């Protein structure tokens, strides 16, 4: 029967079962995973609230836009004419004897575009750039004008209205929309 040395006389590396001269096992504890950072609830609620308010305003604006532009006007049917040449209607507005009428036409079309420039960057974070806001506004207003010209009695397609609406969106974007979009979606753009 072979005799074995008492446990205290056997070197520890032989007791561990690894061959002599091998590397020492790493006895440090495994690193703990980094704790998951929780997003503060208040900024998230603020973003959701801002987007909900912007959505309500956009719906209200859509209703106003539809009432202003898509209601038939049979009384003005003989006065309507389509305009495909940019600047033609603007000159006609400015040639009117009453400057107030020109201001109403031009100012009203500019005002119709401002909500797009303010609300689109808040509602659609991917459409926050100025070119995207302008393209979206021009597309929507072009569709409105096409509907006016083809389906609504007493209304006509006017390219100058699209230009003025898009210019209004630019004004809204530069004055407020850009900052609102960045404020509401700051966390999303920081990622």
C-alpha atoms as a PDB file:
ATOM      1  CA  UNK A   1       0.000   0.000   0.000  1.00  0.00           C
ATOM      2  CA  UNK A   2       1.430   3.363  -0.993  1.00  0.00           C
ATOM      3  CA  UNK A   3       1.713   5.935   1.624  1.00  0.00           C
ATOM      4  CA  UNK A   4       0.469   9.408   0.971  1.00  0.00           C
ATOM      5  CA  UNK A   5       1.918  12.484   2.552  1.00  0.00           C
ATOM      6  CA  UNK A   6      -0.226  14.305   5.015  1.00  0.00           C
ATOM      7  CA  UNK A   7      -2.325  17.078   3.461  1.00  0.00           C
ATOM      8  CA  UNK A   8      -0.367  19.837   5.169  1.00  0.00           C
ATOM      9  CA  UNK A   9       2.885  18.739   3.532  1.00  0.00           C
ATOM     10  CA  UNK A  10       1.498  18.721  -0.051  1.00  0.00           C
ATOM     11  CA  UNK A  11       2.017  22.079  -1.811  1.00  0.00           C
ATOM     12  CA  UNK A  12      -1.224  23.924  -2.466  1.00  0.00           C
ATOM     13  CA  UNK A  13      -0.780  23.900  -6.231  1.00  0.00           C
ATOM     14  CA  UNK A  14      -0.689  20.120  -6.197  1.00  0.00           C
ATOM     15  CA  UNK A  15      -3.774  19.959  -4.016  1.00  0.00           C
ATOM     16  CA  UNK A  16      -5.686  22.101  -6.519  1.00  0.00           C
ATOM     17  CA  UNK A  17      -5.374  19.436  -9.175  1.00  0.00           C
ATOM     18  CA  UNK A  18      -3.476  21.556 -11.680  1.00  0.00           C
ATOM     19  CA  UNK A  19      -0.035  20.544 -12.928  1.00  0.00           C
ATOM     20  CA  UNK A  20       2.993  22.090 -11.238  1.00  0.00           C
ATOM     21  CA  UNK A  21       4.351  25.206 -12.960  1.00  0.00           C
ATOM     22  CA  UNK A  22       0.974  26.144 -14.452  1.00  0.00           C
ATOM     23  CA  UNK A  23      -0.540  29.582 -14.030  1.00  0.00           C
ATOM     24  CA  UNK A  24      -2.254  30.464 -10.799  1.00  0.00           C
ATOM     25  CA  UNK A  25      -6.020  30.575 -11.102  1.00  0.00           C
ATOM     26  CA  UNK A  26      -7.599  34.018 -10.980  1.00  0.00           C
ATOM     27  CA  UNK A  27      -9.116  34.223  -7.523  1.00  0.00           C
ATOM     28  CA  UNK A  28     -10.570  37.721  -7.927  1.00  0.00           C
ATOM     29  CA  UNK A  29     -14.347  37.881  -7.854  1.00  0.00           C
ATOM     30  CA  UNK A  30     -16.033  38.352 -11.207  1.00  0.00           C
ATOM     31  CA  UNK A  31     -16.804  42.001 -11.917  1.00  0.00           C
ATOM     32  CA  UNK A  32     -20.386  42.983 -11.199  1.00  0.00           C
ATOM     33  CA  UNK A  33     -22.381  44.169 -14.188  1.00  0.00           C
ATOM     34  CA  UNK A  34     -22.911  47.900 -14.284  1.00  0.00           C
ATOM     35  CA  UNK A  35     -26.225  48.818 -12.734  1.00  0.00           C
ATOM     36  CA  UNK A  36     -28.884  49.763 -15.258  1.00  0.00           C
ATOM     37  CA  UNK A  37     -29.438  53.459 -15.207  1.00  0.00           C
ATOM     38  CA  UNK A  38     -33.053  54.352 -14.834  1.00  0.00           C
ATOM     39  CA  UNK A  39     -34.347  57.242 -16.797  1.00  0.00           C
ATOM     40  CA  UNK A  40     -35.855  59.876 -14.615  1.00  0.00           C
ATOM     41  CA  UNK A  41     -39.620  59.741 -14.843  1.00  0.00           C
ATOM     42  CA  UNK A  42     -40.207  63.493 -14.912  1.00  0.00           C
ATOM     43  CA  UNK A  43     -38.452  64.216 -18.251  1.00  0.00           C
ATOM     44  CA  UNK A  44     -40.247  61.266 -19.841  1.00  0.00           C
ATOM     45  CA  UNK A  45     -43.607  62.527 -18.612  1.00  0.00           C
ATOM     46  CA  UNK A  46     -42.711  66.013 -19.862  1.00  0.00           C
ATOM     47  CA  UNK A  47     -41.944  64.641 -23.328  1.00  0.00           C
ATOM     48  CA  UNK A  48     -45.154  62.642 -23.438  1.00  0.00           C
ATOM     49  CA  UNK A  49     -47.168  65.652 -22.284  1.00  0.00           C
ATOM     50  CA  UNK A  50     -45.504  67.957 -24.831  1.00  0.00           C
ATOM     51  CA  UNK A  51     -46.171  65.481 -27.644  1.00  0.00           C
ATOM     52  CA  UNK A  52     -49.802  65.043 -26.533  1.00  0.00           C
ATOM     53  CA  UNK A  53     -50.353  68.809 -26.471  1.00  0.00           C
ATOM     54  CA  UNK A  54     -48.688  69.154 -29.883  1.00  0.00           C
ATOM     55  CA  UNK A  55     -50.898  66.365 -31.223  1.00  0.00           C
ATOM     56  CA  UNK A  56     -54.056  68.092 -29.954  1.00  0.00           C
ATOM     57  CA  UNK A  57     -52.924  71.361 -31.539  1.00  0.00           C
ATOM     58  CA  UNK A  58     -52.132  69.592 -34.824  1.00  0.00           C
ATOM     59  CA  UNK A  59     -55.595  67.998 -34.901  1.00  0.00           C
ATOM     60  CA  UNK A  60     -57.206  71.366 -34.148  1.00  0.00           C
ATOM     61  CA  UNK A  61     -55.077  72.942 -36.863  1.00  0.00           C
ATOM     62  CA  UNK A  62     -56.122  70.246 -39.347  1.00  0.00           C
ATOM     63  CA  UNK A  63     -59.777  70.978 -38.615  1.00  0.00           C
ATOM     64  CA  UNK A  64     -59.245  74.718 -39.083  1.00  0.00           C
ATOM     65  CA  UNK A  65     -57.231  74.109 -42.268  1.00  0.00           C
ATOM     66  CA  UNK A  66     -59.973  71.901 -43.682  1.00  0.00           C
ATOM     67  CA  UNK A  67     -62.681  74.437 -42.856  1.00  0.00           C
ATOM     68  CA  UNK A  68     -60.720  77.310 -44.373  1.00  0.00           C
ATOM     69  CA  UNK A  69     -59.581  75.592 -47.515  1.00  0.00           C
ATOM     70  CA  UNK A  70     -61.938  72.740 -48.326  1.00  0.00           C
ATOM     71  CA  UNK A  71     -65.357  74.328 -47.829  1.00  0.00           C
ATOM     72  CA  UNK A  72     -67.139  75.081 -51.084  1.00  0.00           C
ATOM     73  CA  UNK A  73     -67.579  78.706 -52.054  1.00  0.00           C
ATOM     74  CA  UNK A  74     -70.232  78.713 -54.809  1.00  0.00           C
ATOM     75  CA  UNK A  75     -70.486  82.523 -54.756  1.00  0.00           C
ATOM     76  CA  UNK A  76     -66.889  82.902 -55.939  1.00  0.00           C
ATOM     77  CA  UNK A  77     -67.038  80.184 -58.589  1.00  0.00           C
ATOM     78  CA  UNK A  78     -66.904  82.681 -61.458  1.00  0.00           C
ATOM     79  CA  UNK A  79     -63.894  84.447 -59.864  1.00  0.00           C
ATOM     80  CA  UNK A  80     -61.694  81.404 -59.360  1.00  0.00           C
ATOM     81  CA  UNK A  81     -58.851  80.490 -61.643  1.00  0.00           C
ATOM     82  CA  UNK A  82     -55.947  78.114 -61.260  1.00  0.00           C
ATOM     83  CA  UNK A  83     -52.450  79.508 -61.029  1.00  0.00           C
ATOM     84  CA  UNK A  84     -49.457  77.406 -61.992  1.00  0.00           C
ATOM     85  CA  UNK A  85     -46.988  80.300 -62.365  1.00  0.00           C
ATOM     86  CA  UNK A  86     -45.209  81.292 -59.141  1.00  0.00           C
ATOM     87  CA  UNK A  87     -45.650  84.963 -58.267  1.00  0.00           C
ATOM     88  CA  UNK A  88     -48.685  85.572 -60.444  1.00  0.00           C
ATOM     89  CA  UNK A  89     -51.233  85.586 -57.597  1.00  0.00           C
ATOM     90  CA  UNK A  90     -48.864  87.525 -55.346  1.00  0.00           C
ATOM     91  CA  UNK A  91     -48.706  90.318 -57.925  1.00  0.00           C
ATOM     92  CA  UNK A  92     -52.492  90.245 -58.234  1.00  0.00           C
ATOM     93  CA  UNK A  93     -52.858  90.511 -54.453  1.00  0.00           C
ATOM     94  CA  UNK A  94     -50.460  93.447 -54.295  1.00  0.00           C
ATOM     95  CA  UNK A  95     -52.165  95.212 -57.232  1.00  0.00           C
ATOM     96  CA  UNK A  96     -55.488  95.295 -55.376  1.00  0.00           C
ATOM     97  CA  UNK A  97     -56.663  98.758 -54.385  1.00  0.00           C
ATOM     98  CA  UNK A  98     -57.257  97.664 -50.794  1.00  0.00           C
ATOM     99  CA  UNK A  99     -53.946  96.807 -49.145  1.00  0.00           C
ATOM    100  CA  UNK A 100     -55.923  95.147 -46.374  1.00  0.00           C
ATOM    101  CA  UNK A 101     -57.190  92.490 -48.806  1.00  0.00           C
ATOM    102  CA  UNK A 102     -53.653  91.768 -49.968  1.00  0.00           C
ATOM    103  CA  UNK A 103     -52.507  91.532 -46.338  1.00  0.00           C
ATOM    104  CA  UNK A 104     -55.355  89.169 -45.562  1.00  0.00           C
ATOM    105  CA  UNK A 105     -54.517  86.884 -48.508  1.00  0.00           C
ATOM    106  CA  UNK A 106     -50.753  86.864 -48.032  1.00  0.00           C
ATOM    107  CA  UNK A 107     -50.798  86.945 -44.218  1.00  0.00           C
ATOM    108  CA  UNK A 108     -53.472  84.276 -44.014  1.00  0.00           C
ATOM    109  CA  UNK A 109     -51.476  81.895 -46.195  1.00  0.00           C
ATOM    110  CA  UNK A 110     -48.317  82.560 -44.189  1.00  0.00           C
ATOM    111  CA  UNK A 111     -50.197  81.929 -40.929  1.00  0.00           C
ATOM    112  CA  UNK A 112     -51.562  78.625 -42.240  1.00  0.00           C
ATOM    113  CA  UNK A 113     -48.010  77.303 -42.589  1.00  0.00           C
ATOM    114  CA  UNK A 114     -46.655  78.374 -39.184  1.00  0.00           C
ATOM    115  CA  UNK A 115     -48.224  75.493 -37.206  1.00  0.00           C
ATOM    116  CA  UNK A 116     -46.394  72.996 -39.424  1.00  0.00           C
ATOM    117  CA  UNK A 117     -43.051  74.601 -38.633  1.00  0.00           C
ATOM    118  CA  UNK A 118     -43.788  74.581 -34.907  1.00  0.00           C
ATOM    119  CA  UNK A 119     -45.555  71.238 -34.425  1.00  0.00           C
ATOM    120  CA  UNK A 120     -43.887  68.848 -36.899  1.00  0.00           C
ATOM    121  CA  UNK A 121     -40.489  68.889 -35.099  1.00  0.00           C
ATOM    122  CA  UNK A 122     -42.268  68.020 -31.841  1.00  0.00           C
ATOM    123  CA  UNK A 123     -44.463  65.266 -33.260  1.00  0.00           C
ATOM    124  CA  UNK A 124     -42.009  63.683 -35.673  1.00  0.00           C
ATOM    125  CA  UNK A 125     -38.424  63.621 -34.364  1.00  0.00           C
ATOM    126  CA  UNK A 126     -37.129  62.272 -37.680  1.00  0.00           C
ATOM    127  CA  UNK A 127     -38.600  65.249 -39.510  1.00  0.00           C
ATOM    128  CA  UNK A 128     -36.878  67.855 -37.359  1.00  0.00           C
ATOM    129  CA  UNK A 129     -34.529  69.302 -39.957  1.00  0.00           C
ATOM    130  CA  UNK A 130     -35.557  72.445 -41.798  1.00  0.00           C
ATOM    131  CA  UNK A 131     -35.561  70.759 -45.211  1.00  0.00           C
ATOM    132  CA  UNK A 132     -37.726  67.894 -43.977  1.00  0.00           C
ATOM    133  CA  UNK A 133     -40.218  70.257 -42.342  1.00  0.00           C
ATOM    134  CA  UNK A 134     -40.410  72.332 -45.526  1.00  0.00           C
ATOM    135  CA  UNK A 135     -40.793  69.256 -47.746  1.00  0.00           C
ATOM    136  CA  UNK A 136     -43.552  67.855 -45.543  1.00  0.00           C
ATOM    137  CA  UNK A 137     -45.371  71.198 -45.436  1.00  0.00           C
ATOM    138  CA  UNK A 138     -45.075  71.693 -49.199  1.00  0.00           C
ATOM    139  CA  UNK A 139     -46.386  68.166 -49.818  1.00  0.00           C
ATOM    140  CA  UNK A 140     -49.400  68.574 -47.524  1.00  0.00           C
ATOM    141  CA  UNK A 141     -50.238  72.023 -48.877  1.00  0.00           C
ATOM    142  CA  UNK A 142     -49.829  70.821 -52.455  1.00  0.00           C
ATOM    143  CA  UNK A 143     -52.330  68.045 -51.737  1.00  0.00           C
ATOM    144  CA  UNK A 144     -54.737  70.574 -50.193  1.00  0.00           C
ATOM    145  CA  UNK A 145     -54.433  72.835 -53.241  1.00  0.00           C
ATOM    146  CA  UNK A 146     -54.943  69.884 -55.603  1.00  0.00           C
ATOM    147  CA  UNK A 147     -58.082  68.918 -53.674  1.00  0.00           C
ATOM    148  CA  UNK A 148     -59.295  72.511 -53.840  1.00  0.00           C
ATOM    149  CA  UNK A 149     -58.722  72.775 -57.553  1.00  0.00           C
ATOM    150  CA  UNK A 150     -60.226  69.450 -58.507  1.00  0.00           C
ATOM    151  CA  UNK A 151     -63.060  68.794 -56.080  1.00  0.00           C
ATOM    152  CA  UNK A 152     -64.215  71.962 -54.302  1.00  0.00           C
ATOM    153  CA  UNK A 153     -66.708  74.328 -55.905  1.00  0.00           C
ATOM    154  CA  UNK A 154     -65.494  77.921 -55.964  1.00  0.00           C
ATOM    155  CA  UNK A 155     -61.893  77.019 -55.099  1.00  0.00           C
ATOM    156  CA  UNK A 156     -58.849  76.762 -57.355  1.00  0.00           C
ATOM    157  CA  UNK A 157     -55.307  75.449 -57.314  1.00  0.00           C
ATOM    158  CA  UNK A 158     -52.760  78.214 -56.626  1.00  0.00           C
ATOM    159  CA  UNK A 159     -49.029  77.504 -56.477  1.00  0.00           C
ATOM    160  CA  UNK A 160     -48.458  80.807 -54.671  1.00  0.00           C
ATOM    161  CA  UNK A 161     -50.555  79.530 -51.762  1.00  0.00           C
ATOM    162  CA  UNK A 162     -48.232  76.522 -51.476  1.00  0.00           C
ATOM    163  CA  UNK A 163     -45.194  78.828 -51.541  1.00  0.00           C
ATOM    164  CA  UNK A 164     -46.675  81.129 -48.882  1.00  0.00           C
ATOM    165  CA  UNK A 165     -47.727  78.213 -46.665  1.00  0.00           C
ATOM    166  CA  UNK A 166     -44.249  76.695 -46.903  1.00  0.00           C
ATOM    167  CA  UNK A 167     -42.670  80.080 -46.114  1.00  0.00           C
ATOM    168  CA  UNK A 168     -44.920  80.269 -43.048  1.00  0.00           C
ATOM    169  CA  UNK A 169     -43.660  76.840 -41.963  1.00  0.00           C
ATOM    170  CA  UNK A 170     -40.095  78.128 -42.311  1.00  0.00           C
ATOM    171  CA  UNK A 171     -40.918  81.114 -40.091  1.00  0.00           C
ATOM    172  CA  UNK A 172     -42.558  78.858 -37.486  1.00  0.00           C
ATOM    173  CA  UNK A 173     -39.623  76.464 -37.552  1.00  0.00           C
ATOM    174  CA  UNK A 174     -37.010  79.190 -37.151  1.00  0.00           C
ATOM    175  CA  UNK A 175     -38.903  81.065 -34.430  1.00  0.00           C
ATOM    176  CA  UNK A 176     -40.045  78.182 -32.255  1.00  0.00           C
ATOM    177  CA  UNK A 177     -40.192  74.741 -33.869  1.00  0.00           C
ATOM    178  CA  UNK A 178     -36.481  74.020 -33.912  1.00  0.00           C
ATOM    179  CA  UNK A 179     -36.078  74.810 -30.207  1.00  0.00           C
ATOM    180  CA  UNK A 180     -39.224  72.933 -29.197  1.00  0.00           C
ATOM    181  CA  UNK A 181     -38.177  69.872 -31.185  1.00  0.00           C
ATOM    182  CA  UNK A 182     -34.744  69.853 -29.575  1.00  0.00           C
ATOM    183  CA  UNK A 183     -36.172  70.377 -26.086  1.00  0.00           C
ATOM    184  CA  UNK A 184     -38.773  67.625 -26.362  1.00  0.00           C
ATOM    185  CA  UNK A 185     -36.478  65.109 -28.049  1.00  0.00           C
ATOM    186  CA  UNK A 186     -33.160  66.045 -26.423  1.00  0.00           C
ATOM    187  CA  UNK A 187     -32.697  62.620 -24.851  1.00  0.00           C
ATOM    188  CA  UNK A 188     -33.410  60.839 -28.133  1.00  0.00           C
ATOM    189  CA  UNK A 189     -30.840  62.927 -30.008  1.00  0.00           C
ATOM    190  CA  UNK A 190     -28.223  62.464 -27.261  1.00  0.00           C
ATOM    191  CA  UNK A 191     -28.208  58.676 -27.718  1.00  0.00           C
END
